Amino acid sequence: MRIGGLQKTTLLDYPGRVACTVFLCGCNFRCPFCQNSELLEGGGESLTGEEFFAFLQKRRGILDGVCVSGGEPLVHADIEDFLRRIKALGYAVKLDTNGAFPARLRSLYAQGLIDSAAMDIKNSPEKYEKTAGAPCDMAKIRESAAFLLESGIDYEFRTTVVRQLHRGEDFVRIGQWLAGAKRYYLQTFRDGETVLTRGLSACSEEEMRTFKQLLLPFIPNAKIRGES
């Protein structure tokens, strides 16, 4: 397991908990708007696994959650052992995933190794592969989304909105797909030096509100990230 980064304290990545976020290297997608592009190919290791678990040991009683992000954590065959060690220290685990590995997602939940999950919804199904930047099996994406909707796990869906990639009709189709989801967030794209593709831009606040309105008939709890 290669660890590409560690945010030592966060109140945002794992709602309701004081947590840290660990970023694992490697991903099967190449989303043009990815802000963690340095992690995609395996990246440089910022700390070893033993250093990470020593950190968790020291922060017991201060932190109560760990957000496991990436990259895509489920590309790793040893993710089960990694999460088991985190859980053994008494932490709740939130998993960030792109949904491409539903069998692994189901298995980890069945074993009690994840307590919460956040799944990135890249776009409407018709535009998914273009937005993911790599071949993707929509049947598996749909299976992961269905599992989160039906399993009882604490979850959220989220879409990073990019002017060049998303249109209003995409959110109607997403709403139809994920109808009844208990949490769905629109996230405003933020450019930066580590974004994979240059020249992308964010939508305006008005456009984001319009997209939210298109979702509400299907997902009444849809929100724009950061709004009150």
Protein backbone atom coordinates (compact mmCIF):
# COMPACT_ATOMS: atom_id res chain seq x y z
CA MET A 1 0.00 0.00 0.00
CA ARG A 2 1.52 3.31 -1.09
CA ILE A 3 0.36 6.34 0.89
CA GLY A 4 0.54 9.55 -1.08
CA GLY A 5 -0.60 11.97 1.60
CA LEU A 6 -2.10 12.47 5.04
CA GLN A 7 -4.32 15.26 6.27
CA LYS A 8 -3.85 14.96 10.00
CA THR A 9 -7.11 16.58 11.07
CA THR A 10 -10.37 17.26 9.24
CA LEU A 11 -13.86 18.18 10.34
CA LEU A 12 -15.18 18.11 6.76
CA ASP A 13 -14.13 14.83 5.14
CA TYR A 14 -15.97 12.66 7.67
CA PRO A 15 -19.07 14.58 8.80
CA GLY A 16 -19.83 14.21 12.48
CA ARG A 17 -16.35 13.03 13.42
CA VAL A 18 -12.94 14.47 14.11
CA ALA A 19 -10.93 12.54 11.56
CA CYS A 20 -7.82 12.33 9.46
CA THR A 21 -7.76 11.65 5.72
CA VAL A 22 -5.26 9.25 4.18
CA PHE A 23 -4.71 9.42 0.42
CA LEU A 24 -3.77 6.14 -1.25
CA CYS A 25 -1.86 6.10 -4.54
CA GLY A 26 -3.27 4.56 -7.71
CA CYS A 27 -6.53 4.91 -9.65
CA ASN A 28 -8.27 3.20 -12.57
CA PHE A 29 -9.84 6.46 -13.82
CA ARG A 30 -8.28 9.59 -15.31
CA CYS A 31 -10.91 12.23 -14.64
CA PRO A 32 -9.74 15.46 -16.30
CA PHE A 33 -10.80 17.51 -13.26
CA CYS A 34 -8.93 15.32 -10.74
CA GLN A 35 -7.15 17.43 -8.13
CA ASN A 36 -4.97 14.55 -6.95
CA SER A 37 -3.29 13.78 -10.28
CA GLU A 38 0.05 13.13 -8.58
CA LEU A 39 -1.49 10.01 -7.02
CA LEU A 40 -2.86 8.41 -10.17
CA GLU A 41 0.12 6.37 -11.32
CA GLY A 42 1.26 5.30 -7.89
CA GLY A 43 2.98 8.54 -7.04
CA GLY A 44 5.61 9.15 -4.46
CA GLU A 45 5.19 7.72 -1.02
CA SER A 46 4.81 10.50 1.55
CA LEU A 47 4.94 8.13 4.51
CA THR A 48 5.13 4.41 5.06
CA GLY A 49 2.30 2.26 6.30
CA GLU A 50 4.02 1.77 9.62
CA GLU A 51 4.44 5.52 10.04
CA PHE A 52 0.74 5.97 9.32
CA PHE A 53 -0.33 3.37 11.88
CA ALA A 54 2.07 4.83 14.44
CA PHE A 55 0.32 8.18 13.87
CA LEU A 56 -3.09 6.58 14.41
CA GLN A 57 -1.88 4.92 17.58
CA LYS A 58 -0.75 8.27 18.99
CA ARG A 59 -3.99 10.04 18.04
CA ARG A 60 -6.34 7.58 19.72
CA GLY A 61 -8.74 9.54 21.92
CA ILE A 62 -8.19 12.68 19.82
CA LEU A 63 -9.42 11.44 16.46
CA ASP A 64 -12.36 9.08 16.13
CA GLY A 65 -12.51 8.55 12.37
CA VAL A 66 -10.35 7.89 9.33
CA CYS A 67 -11.35 8.87 5.81
CA VAL A 68 -9.66 6.60 3.27
CA SER A 69 -9.39 8.39 -0.05
CA GLY A 70 -7.21 8.44 -3.15
CA GLY A 71 -6.75 7.86 -5.94
CA GLU A 72 -9.15 4.95 -5.72
CA PRO A 73 -8.68 2.88 -2.55
CA LEU A 74 -10.42 -0.20 -3.94
CA VAL A 75 -7.83 -0.80 -6.67
CA HIS A 76 -5.64 -2.30 -3.97
CA ALA A 77 -5.84 -6.03 -3.31
CA ASP A 78 -4.63 -5.46 0.26
CA ILE A 79 -7.23 -2.81 1.14
CA GLU A 80 -9.01 -5.29 3.42
CA ASP A 81 -5.94 -5.75 5.62
CA PHE A 82 -5.33 -1.99 5.63
CA LEU A 83 -8.85 -1.22 6.83
CA ARG A 84 -8.79 -4.07 9.34
CA ARG A 85 -5.75 -2.52 11.01
CA ILE A 86 -7.49 0.85 11.19
CA LYS A 87 -10.61 -0.69 12.71
CA ALA A 88 -8.51 -2.64 15.22
CA LEU A 89 -7.37 0.69 16.65
CA GLY A 90 -10.98 1.67 17.31
CA TYR A 91 -11.55 4.12 14.47
CA ALA A 92 -14.66 4.49 12.34
CA VAL A 93 -13.83 4.30 8.61
CA LYS A 94 -15.25 6.35 5.77
CA LEU A 95 -14.35 5.18 2.27
CA ASP A 96 -14.19 7.44 -0.78
CA THR A 97 -14.74 5.46 -3.98
CA ASN A 98 -15.56 5.85 -7.66
CA GLY A 99 -17.83 2.80 -7.57
CA ALA A 100 -15.91 0.68 -10.06
CA PHE A 101 -15.43 -2.24 -7.63
CA PRO A 102 -18.85 -3.19 -6.26
CA ALA A 103 -17.91 -6.71 -5.14
CA ARG A 104 -15.06 -5.38 -3.04
CA LEU A 105 -17.29 -2.62 -1.65
CA ARG A 106 -19.93 -5.15 -0.62
CA SER A 107 -17.35 -7.45 0.95
CA LEU A 108 -15.75 -4.73 3.05
CA TYR A 109 -19.11 -3.60 4.37
CA ALA A 110 -20.21 -7.16 5.11
CA GLN A 111 -17.06 -7.62 7.19
CA GLY A 112 -17.73 -4.45 9.18
CA LEU A 113 -14.65 -2.70 7.80
CA ILE A 114 -16.38 0.46 6.56
CA ASP A 115 -18.92 2.58 8.41
CA SER A 116 -19.59 5.22 5.77
CA ALA A 117 -18.98 5.70 2.06
CA ALA A 118 -18.86 8.57 -0.41
CA MET A 119 -19.25 7.68 -4.09
CA ASP A 120 -18.27 10.07 -6.84
CA ILE A 121 -20.88 10.30 -9.58
CA LYS A 122 -18.95 11.50 -12.58
CA ASN A 123 -21.83 12.40 -14.89
CA SER A 124 -25.01 11.07 -16.46
CA PRO A 125 -24.58 7.45 -17.57
CA GLU A 126 -24.40 8.44 -21.24
CA LYS A 127 -21.38 10.68 -20.62
CA TYR A 128 -19.72 8.66 -17.88
CA GLU A 129 -16.74 7.25 -19.73
CA LYS A 130 -15.78 10.60 -21.24
CA THR A 131 -15.93 12.25 -17.83
CA ALA A 132 -14.02 9.42 -16.12
CA GLY A 133 -11.28 9.71 -18.74
CA ALA A 134 -10.93 5.93 -19.05
CA PRO A 135 -12.97 2.86 -19.99
CA CYS A 136 -15.50 2.06 -17.30
CA ASP A 137 -18.12 -0.62 -16.84
CA MET A 138 -21.42 1.18 -16.17
CA ALA A 139 -22.97 -2.03 -14.90
CA LYS A 140 -20.48 -2.01 -12.03
CA ILE A 141 -20.98 1.70 -11.38
CA ARG A 142 -24.73 1.14 -11.21
CA GLU A 143 -24.25 -1.87 -8.93
CA SER A 144 -22.23 0.17 -6.45
CA ALA A 145 -24.78 2.98 -6.44
CA ALA A 146 -27.63 0.52 -5.94
CA PHE A 147 -25.78 -1.11 -3.06
CA LEU A 148 -25.38 2.23 -1.27
CA LEU A 149 -29.02 3.11 -1.84
CA GLU A 150 -30.26 -0.23 -0.47
CA SER A 151 -27.73 -1.49 2.09
CA GLY A 152 -28.40 0.81 5.03
CA ILE A 153 -24.80 2.05 5.14
CA ASP A 154 -24.28 5.74 5.83
CA TYR A 155 -23.44 7.25 2.43
CA GLU A 156 -23.36 10.24 0.16
CA PHE A 157 -23.15 10.73 -3.58
CA ARG A 158 -21.31 13.72 -5.01
CA THR A 159 -20.57 15.25 -8.40
CA THR A 160 -17.80 17.73 -9.13
CA VAL A 161 -19.38 20.10 -11.64
CA VAL A 162 -17.22 21.33 -14.52
CA ARG A 163 -18.47 23.81 -17.13
CA GLN A 164 -16.90 21.89 -20.03
CA LEU A 165 -18.34 18.52 -18.97
CA HIS A 166 -21.79 19.02 -17.47
CA ARG A 167 -25.13 20.30 -18.77
CA GLY A 168 -28.55 20.64 -17.22
CA GLU A 169 -29.89 17.49 -18.85
CA ASP A 170 -27.11 15.49 -17.19
CA PHE A 171 -28.51 16.31 -13.77
CA VAL A 172 -32.02 15.29 -14.79
CA ARG A 173 -30.62 11.90 -15.80
CA ILE A 174 -28.54 11.63 -12.61
CA GLY A 175 -31.63 12.48 -10.58
CA GLN A 176 -33.64 9.78 -12.34
CA TRP A 177 -30.86 7.29 -11.74
CA LEU A 178 -30.33 8.06 -8.03
CA ALA A 179 -33.91 8.96 -7.16
CA GLY A 180 -34.52 9.00 -3.41
CA ALA A 181 -30.86 9.23 -2.40
CA LYS A 182 -30.59 10.50 1.15
CA ARG A 183 -27.53 12.67 0.43
CA TYR A 184 -26.28 14.06 -2.86
CA TYR A 185 -23.91 17.01 -3.22
CA LEU A 186 -22.94 19.18 -6.14
CA GLN A 187 -19.34 20.32 -5.72
CA THR A 188 -17.91 23.36 -7.48
CA PHE A 189 -14.79 22.56 -9.49
CA ARG A 190 -11.64 24.28 -8.25
CA ASP A 191 -8.67 24.64 -10.55
CA GLY A 192 -5.12 24.24 -9.31
CA GLU A 193 -1.61 23.12 -10.17
CA THR A 194 -2.38 19.45 -9.54
CA VAL A 195 -5.52 19.28 -11.71
CA LEU A 196 -4.98 16.66 -14.41
CA THR A 197 -6.24 18.68 -17.41
CA ARG A 198 -5.63 22.38 -17.89
CA GLY A 199 -8.25 24.82 -19.17
CA LEU A 200 -11.27 23.59 -17.20
CA SER A 201 -13.48 26.04 -15.36
CA ALA A 202 -16.19 26.17 -12.72
CA CYS A 203 -19.84 26.93 -13.26
CA SER A 204 -21.34 30.11 -11.81
CA GLU A 205 -23.33 30.11 -8.58
CA GLU A 206 -26.48 30.68 -10.62
CA GLU A 207 -25.74 27.69 -12.82
CA MET A 208 -25.09 25.53 -9.78
CA ARG A 209 -28.43 26.55 -8.29
CA THR A 210 -30.14 25.72 -11.59
CA PHE A 211 -28.57 22.25 -11.59
CA LYS A 212 -29.73 21.73 -8.02
CA GLN A 213 -33.29 22.67 -8.97
CA LEU A 214 -33.22 20.06 -11.74
CA LEU A 215 -32.24 17.40 -9.18
CA LEU A 216 -34.78 18.27 -6.48
CA PRO A 217 -37.83 16.52 -8.00
CA PHE A 218 -35.88 13.26 -7.80
CA ILE A 219 -33.54 13.87 -4.85
CA PRO A 220 -35.22 16.31 -2.43
CA ASN A 221 -32.11 16.42 -0.21
CA ALA A 222 -29.74 17.46 -3.03
CA LYS A 223 -27.46 20.30 -1.97
CA ILE A 224 -24.59 22.39 -3.19
CA ARG A 225 -21.54 21.63 -1.04
CA GLY A 226 -21.01 24.45 1.42
CA GLU A 227 -24.48 25.95 1.29
CA SER A 228 -26.31 26.47 4.56
